[in-house]
């Protein structure tokens, strides 16, 4: 059975259980209050919201439980100039001041489709040696790419640009770049 078919069956069962918990007047009030409806469908812990109940039905999957509950907020996107929407994304940009938290930003870039994905972080003087910080960030990028390889492959022409602002003097940055495409991945390359 496909994952989509399993999800559909679990969703119908969970939605049915949720609906049975309301009389018609309560049900109508949930339809008119978006925040209450979202609690019932996504966020509520006890009894679990519909989507959380669906996740509970899978042996190897679970619903994200930490804040933010909607983990995929991009810092910036570029789209076609005359488009009336941000979609489709042409360039996705993630920025993180604290390089220790940069893996979260890398995961966001790996989770979406766009022609170019840009990650920006820093190696600051007070955080340790520049070479150690650079190696840690490179290791984070390689590790997240390896983890993502368990999923279907993205378009091999997708480009990645990682920028590392290396503090060479107080508040003075030298920018190092690392460019590769989705087909090859980070490989043995490094920041230049």
C-alpha atoms as a PDB file:
ATOM      1  CA  UNK A   1       0.000   0.000   0.000  1.00  0.00           C
ATOM      2  CA  UNK A   2       1.338   3.468  -0.844  1.00  0.00           C
ATOM      3  CA  UNK A   3       2.079   6.063   1.805  1.00  0.00           C
ATOM      4  CA  UNK A   4      -0.583   8.340   0.302  1.00  0.00           C
ATOM      5  CA  UNK A   5      -3.209   5.567   0.554  1.00  0.00           C
ATOM      6  CA  UNK A   6      -2.237   4.823   4.163  1.00  0.00           C
ATOM      7  CA  UNK A   7      -2.343   8.523   5.035  1.00  0.00           C
ATOM      8  CA  UNK A   8      -5.776   8.902   3.420  1.00  0.00           C
ATOM      9  CA  UNK A   9      -7.270   6.005   5.405  1.00  0.00           C
ATOM     10  CA  UNK A  10      -5.765   7.218   8.691  1.00  0.00           C
ATOM     11  CA  UNK A  11      -6.954  10.759   7.959  1.00  0.00           C
ATOM     12  CA  UNK A  12     -10.556   9.653   7.364  1.00  0.00           C
ATOM     13  CA  UNK A  13     -10.566   7.630  10.587  1.00  0.00           C
ATOM     14  CA  UNK A  14      -9.061  10.471  12.653  1.00  0.00           C
ATOM     15  CA  UNK A  15     -11.384  13.074  11.148  1.00  0.00           C
ATOM     16  CA  UNK A  16     -14.396  10.835  11.835  1.00  0.00           C
ATOM     17  CA  UNK A  17     -13.368  10.433  15.497  1.00  0.00           C
ATOM     18  CA  UNK A  18     -12.924  14.192  15.834  1.00  0.00           C
ATOM     19  CA  UNK A  19     -16.318  14.930  14.247  1.00  0.00           C
ATOM     20  CA  UNK A  20     -18.088  12.474  16.569  1.00  0.00           C
ATOM     21  CA  UNK A  21     -16.914  14.564  19.532  1.00  0.00           C
ATOM     22  CA  UNK A  22     -19.081  17.563  18.599  1.00  0.00           C
ATOM     23  CA  UNK A  23     -22.787  18.175  18.448  1.00  0.00           C
ATOM     24  CA  UNK A  24     -24.052  20.169  15.459  1.00  0.00           C
ATOM     25  CA  UNK A  25     -23.938  23.555  17.250  1.00  0.00           C
ATOM     26  CA  UNK A  26     -20.323  23.034  18.393  1.00  0.00           C
ATOM     27  CA  UNK A  27     -19.369  21.813  14.948  1.00  0.00           C
ATOM     28  CA  UNK A  28     -20.819  24.938  13.340  1.00  0.00           C
ATOM     29  CA  UNK A  29     -18.849  27.199  15.705  1.00  0.00           C
ATOM     30  CA  UNK A  30     -15.596  25.461  14.741  1.00  0.00           C
ATOM     31  CA  UNK A  31     -16.317  26.111  11.087  1.00  0.00           C
ATOM     32  CA  UNK A  32     -16.584  29.855  11.750  1.00  0.00           C
ATOM     33  CA  UNK A  33     -13.485  30.185  13.982  1.00  0.00           C
ATOM     34  CA  UNK A  34     -10.278  29.566  12.043  1.00  0.00           C
ATOM     35  CA  UNK A  35      -8.058  29.356  15.122  1.00  0.00           C
ATOM     36  CA  UNK A  36     -10.285  26.689  16.764  1.00  0.00           C
ATOM     37  CA  UNK A  37     -10.438  24.733  13.504  1.00  0.00           C
ATOM     38  CA  UNK A  38      -6.637  24.777  13.185  1.00  0.00           C
ATOM     39  CA  UNK A  39      -6.352  23.494  16.753  1.00  0.00           C
ATOM     40  CA  UNK A  40      -8.624  20.547  15.906  1.00  0.00           C
ATOM     41  CA  UNK A  41      -6.927  19.792  12.597  1.00  0.00           C
ATOM     42  CA  UNK A  42      -3.236  20.416  13.409  1.00  0.00           C
ATOM     43  CA  UNK A  43      -2.122  21.614  16.829  1.00  0.00           C
ATOM     44  CA  UNK A  44      -4.207  20.161  19.666  1.00  0.00           C
ATOM     45  CA  UNK A  45      -2.353  17.680  21.881  1.00  0.00           C
ATOM     46  CA  UNK A  46      -5.136  16.012  23.916  1.00  0.00           C
ATOM     47  CA  UNK A  47      -7.085  14.498  22.410  1.00  0.00           C
ATOM     48  CA  UNK A  48      -4.714  14.675  19.470  1.00  0.00           C
ATOM     49  CA  UNK A  49      -5.607  16.848  16.483  1.00  0.00           C
ATOM     50  CA  UNK A  50      -6.489  15.033  13.259  1.00  0.00           C
ATOM     51  CA  UNK A  51      -3.013  15.344  11.723  1.00  0.00           C
ATOM     52  CA  UNK A  52      -1.320  14.283  14.968  1.00  0.00           C
ATOM     53  CA  UNK A  53      -3.622  11.242  15.184  1.00  0.00           C
ATOM     54  CA  UNK A  54      -2.672  10.357  11.610  1.00  0.00           C
ATOM     55  CA  UNK A  55       1.023  10.552  12.546  1.00  0.00           C
ATOM     56  CA  UNK A  56       0.377   8.283  15.544  1.00  0.00           C
ATOM     57  CA  UNK A  57      -0.969   5.617  13.174  1.00  0.00           C
ATOM     58  CA  UNK A  58       2.451   5.230  11.497  1.00  0.00           C
ATOM     59  CA  UNK A  59       5.144   3.101  13.115  1.00  0.00           C
ATOM     60  CA  UNK A  60       8.096   5.024  11.705  1.00  0.00           C
ATOM     61  CA  UNK A  61       6.740   8.590  11.437  1.00  0.00           C
ATOM     62  CA  UNK A  62       5.777  11.251  13.935  1.00  0.00           C
ATOM     63  CA  UNK A  63       4.479  14.796  13.848  1.00  0.00           C
ATOM     64  CA  UNK A  64       6.950  17.602  14.650  1.00  0.00           C
ATOM     65  CA  UNK A  65       6.305  18.561  18.292  1.00  0.00           C
ATOM     66  CA  UNK A  66       8.629  21.479  18.971  1.00  0.00           C
ATOM     67  CA  UNK A  67       8.128  25.175  18.438  1.00  0.00           C
ATOM     68  CA  UNK A  68       7.778  26.494  15.895  1.00  0.00           C
ATOM     69  CA  UNK A  69       5.106  23.966  15.016  1.00  0.00           C
ATOM     70  CA  UNK A  70       5.367  25.117  11.413  1.00  0.00           C
ATOM     71  CA  UNK A  71       9.109  24.580  10.970  1.00  0.00           C
ATOM     72  CA  UNK A  72       9.544  25.641   7.362  1.00  0.00           C
ATOM     73  CA  UNK A  73       9.654  29.442   7.287  1.00  0.00           C
ATOM     74  CA  UNK A  74      12.146  30.731   4.729  1.00  0.00           C
ATOM     75  CA  UNK A  75      14.016  33.964   5.410  1.00  0.00           C
ATOM     76  CA  UNK A  76      13.657  35.259   1.845  1.00  0.00           C
ATOM     77  CA  UNK A  77      12.604  34.106  -1.601  1.00  0.00           C
ATOM     78  CA  UNK A  78      13.057  35.568  -5.065  1.00  0.00           C
ATOM     79  CA  UNK A  79      10.367  35.040  -7.696  1.00  0.00           C
ATOM     80  CA  UNK A  80       9.741  36.179 -11.263  1.00  0.00           C
ATOM     81  CA  UNK A  81       9.442  39.983 -11.490  1.00  0.00           C
ATOM     82  CA  UNK A  82       5.965  40.101 -12.993  1.00  0.00           C
ATOM     83  CA  UNK A  83       4.560  37.305 -10.868  1.00  0.00           C
ATOM     84  CA  UNK A  84       1.629  38.031  -8.575  1.00  0.00           C
ATOM     85  CA  UNK A  85       2.897  35.448  -6.097  1.00  0.00           C
ATOM     86  CA  UNK A  86       6.079  34.292  -4.379  1.00  0.00           C
ATOM     87  CA  UNK A  87       5.626  30.940  -6.130  1.00  0.00           C
ATOM     88  CA  UNK A  88       7.361  29.309  -7.868  1.00  0.00           C
ATOM     89  CA  UNK A  89      10.462  30.108  -5.865  1.00  0.00           C
ATOM     90  CA  UNK A  90      13.448  30.938  -8.049  1.00  0.00           C
ATOM     91  CA  UNK A  91      15.910  31.578  -5.194  1.00  0.00           C
ATOM     92  CA  UNK A  92      15.482  30.492  -1.563  1.00  0.00           C
ATOM     93  CA  UNK A  93      17.645  32.171   1.067  1.00  0.00           C
ATOM     94  CA  UNK A  94      18.331  31.090   4.628  1.00  0.00           C
ATOM     95  CA  UNK A  95      20.455  33.168   7.004  1.00  0.00           C
ATOM     96  CA  UNK A  96      21.655  32.267  10.505  1.00  0.00           C
ATOM     97  CA  UNK A  97      23.795  34.473  12.737  1.00  0.00           C
ATOM     98  CA  UNK A  98      24.741  31.549  14.989  1.00  0.00           C
ATOM     99  CA  UNK A  99      26.582  28.911  12.961  1.00  0.00           C
ATOM    100  CA  UNK A 100      25.697  26.257  15.571  1.00  0.00           C
ATOM    101  CA  UNK A 101      22.057  26.603  14.511  1.00  0.00           C
ATOM    102  CA  UNK A 102      22.883  26.560  10.784  1.00  0.00           C
ATOM    103  CA  UNK A 103      21.882  22.876  10.288  1.00  0.00           C
ATOM    104  CA  UNK A 104      18.223  23.923  10.697  1.00  0.00           C
ATOM    105  CA  UNK A 105      18.659  26.389   7.838  1.00  0.00           C
ATOM    106  CA  UNK A 106      20.335  23.754   5.650  1.00  0.00           C
ATOM    107  CA  UNK A 107      17.383  21.399   6.261  1.00  0.00           C
ATOM    108  CA  UNK A 108      14.945  24.080   5.124  1.00  0.00           C
ATOM    109  CA  UNK A 109      16.888  24.538   1.890  1.00  0.00           C
ATOM    110  CA  UNK A 110      16.911  20.784   1.316  1.00  0.00           C
ATOM    111  CA  UNK A 111      13.143  20.647   1.875  1.00  0.00           C
ATOM    112  CA  UNK A 112      12.015  22.941  -0.933  1.00  0.00           C
ATOM    113  CA  UNK A 113      12.359  23.279  -4.690  1.00  0.00           C
ATOM    114  CA  UNK A 114      14.009  26.267  -6.319  1.00  0.00           C
ATOM    115  CA  UNK A 115      16.645  26.966  -8.961  1.00  0.00           C
ATOM    116  CA  UNK A 116      19.127  28.339  -6.427  1.00  0.00           C
ATOM    117  CA  UNK A 117      19.349  27.748  -2.681  1.00  0.00           C
ATOM    118  CA  UNK A 118      21.520  30.122  -0.656  1.00  0.00           C
ATOM    119  CA  UNK A 119      22.668  29.558   2.923  1.00  0.00           C
ATOM    120  CA  UNK A 120      24.471  32.310   4.827  1.00  0.00           C
ATOM    121  CA  UNK A 121      26.217  32.048   8.202  1.00  0.00           C
ATOM    122  CA  UNK A 122      29.309  33.270  10.038  1.00  0.00           C
ATOM    123  CA  UNK A 123      32.581  32.214  11.642  1.00  0.00           C
ATOM    124  CA  UNK A 124      33.181  34.928  14.232  1.00  0.00           C
ATOM    125  CA  UNK A 125      36.400  35.647  16.119  1.00  0.00           C
ATOM    126  CA  UNK A 126      34.944  34.973  19.563  1.00  0.00           C
ATOM    127  CA  UNK A 127      33.638  31.514  18.597  1.00  0.00           C
ATOM    128  CA  UNK A 128      36.968  29.759  18.106  1.00  0.00           C
ATOM    129  CA  UNK A 129      39.446  29.237  15.310  1.00  0.00           C
ATOM    130  CA  UNK A 130      38.229  30.149  11.834  1.00  0.00           C
ATOM    131  CA  UNK A 131      39.425  26.856  10.373  1.00  0.00           C
ATOM    132  CA  UNK A 132      37.622  24.804  13.058  1.00  0.00           C
ATOM    133  CA  UNK A 133      34.402  26.760  12.560  1.00  0.00           C
ATOM    134  CA  UNK A 134      34.663  26.409   8.791  1.00  0.00           C
ATOM    135  CA  UNK A 135      35.202  22.632   9.085  1.00  0.00           C
ATOM    136  CA  UNK A 136      32.197  22.351  11.423  1.00  0.00           C
ATOM    137  CA  UNK A 137      29.936  24.210   8.978  1.00  0.00           C
ATOM    138  CA  UNK A 138      31.246  22.107   6.073  1.00  0.00           C
ATOM    139  CA  UNK A 139      30.559  18.970   8.123  1.00  0.00           C
ATOM    140  CA  UNK A 140      27.024  20.184   8.875  1.00  0.00           C
ATOM    141  CA  UNK A 141      26.370  20.727   5.162  1.00  0.00           C
ATOM    142  CA  UNK A 142      27.715  17.276   4.221  1.00  0.00           C
ATOM    143  CA  UNK A 143      25.768  15.552   7.016  1.00  0.00           C
ATOM    144  CA  UNK A 144      22.442  17.193   6.120  1.00  0.00           C
ATOM    145  CA  UNK A 145      22.932  16.340   2.430  1.00  0.00           C
ATOM    146  CA  UNK A 146      23.692  12.711   3.338  1.00  0.00           C
ATOM    147  CA  UNK A 147      20.522  12.539   5.468  1.00  0.00           C
ATOM    148  CA  UNK A 148      18.455  14.044   2.633  1.00  0.00           C
ATOM    149  CA  UNK A 149      19.738  11.402   0.220  1.00  0.00           C
ATOM    150  CA  UNK A 150      17.301   8.933   1.822  1.00  0.00           C
ATOM    151  CA  UNK A 151      14.501  10.864   0.061  1.00  0.00           C
ATOM    152  CA  UNK A 152      13.743  11.134  -3.660  1.00  0.00           C
ATOM    153  CA  UNK A 153      16.465  13.048  -5.480  1.00  0.00           C
ATOM    154  CA  UNK A 154      15.957  16.670  -6.412  1.00  0.00           C
ATOM    155  CA  UNK A 155      16.608  18.121  -9.855  1.00  0.00           C
ATOM    156  CA  UNK A 156      20.326  17.725 -10.454  1.00  0.00           C
ATOM    157  CA  UNK A 157      20.570  21.221 -11.931  1.00  0.00           C
ATOM    158  CA  UNK A 158      19.546  22.877  -8.663  1.00  0.00           C
ATOM    159  CA  UNK A 159      22.394  25.104  -7.542  1.00  0.00           C
ATOM    160  CA  UNK A 160      23.590  25.613  -3.987  1.00  0.00           C
ATOM    161  CA  UNK A 161      25.565  28.598  -2.770  1.00  0.00           C
ATOM    162  CA  UNK A 162      26.776  28.644   0.815  1.00  0.00           C
ATOM    163  CA  UNK A 163      28.363  31.837   2.078  1.00  0.00           C
ATOM    164  CA  UNK A 164      30.496  31.908   5.221  1.00  0.00           C
ATOM    165  CA  UNK A 165      31.295  35.347   6.608  1.00  0.00           C
ATOM    166  CA  UNK A 166      34.685  34.912   8.312  1.00  0.00           C
ATOM    167  CA  UNK A 167      35.448  37.677  10.776  1.00  0.00           C
ATOM    168  CA  UNK A 168      39.041  38.664   9.999  1.00  0.00           C
ATOM    169  CA  UNK A 169      38.997  41.693  12.286  1.00  0.00           C
ATOM    170  CA  UNK A 170      36.357  43.039  14.646  1.00  0.00           C
ATOM    171  CA  UNK A 171      33.186  43.363  12.538  1.00  0.00           C
ATOM    172  CA  UNK A 172      35.130  42.953   9.279  1.00  0.00           C
ATOM    173  CA  UNK A 173      34.137  39.956   7.155  1.00  0.00           C
ATOM    174  CA  UNK A 174      35.850  37.991   4.436  1.00  0.00           C
ATOM    175  CA  UNK A 175      33.211  36.035   2.521  1.00  0.00           C
ATOM    176  CA  UNK A 176      33.995  32.447   1.549  1.00  0.00           C
ATOM    177  CA  UNK A 177      31.770  30.635  -0.960  1.00  0.00           C
ATOM    178  CA  UNK A 178      30.914  27.027  -1.682  1.00  0.00           C
ATOM    179  CA  UNK A 179      28.991  26.364  -4.901  1.00  0.00           C
ATOM    180  CA  UNK A 180      27.757  22.977  -6.131  1.00  0.00           C
ATOM    181  CA  UNK A 181      24.700  21.443  -7.772  1.00  0.00           C
ATOM    182  CA  UNK A 182      22.138  18.968  -6.543  1.00  0.00           C
ATOM    183  CA  UNK A 183      23.398  16.145  -8.775  1.00  0.00           C
ATOM    184  CA  UNK A 184      26.892  16.178  -7.323  1.00  0.00           C
ATOM    185  CA  UNK A 185      26.192  17.514  -3.827  1.00  0.00           C
ATOM    186  CA  UNK A 186      28.948  18.873  -1.595  1.00  0.00           C
ATOM    187  CA  UNK A 187      31.332  15.994  -2.354  1.00  0.00           C
ATOM    188  CA  UNK A 188      34.876  16.655  -1.241  1.00  0.00           C
ATOM    189  CA  UNK A 189      34.744  20.354  -2.064  1.00  0.00           C
ATOM    190  CA  UNK A 190      34.974  23.053   0.593  1.00  0.00           C
ATOM    191  CA  UNK A 191      34.607  26.787   1.102  1.00  0.00           C
ATOM    192  CA  UNK A 192      36.921  28.888  -1.046  1.00  0.00           C
END
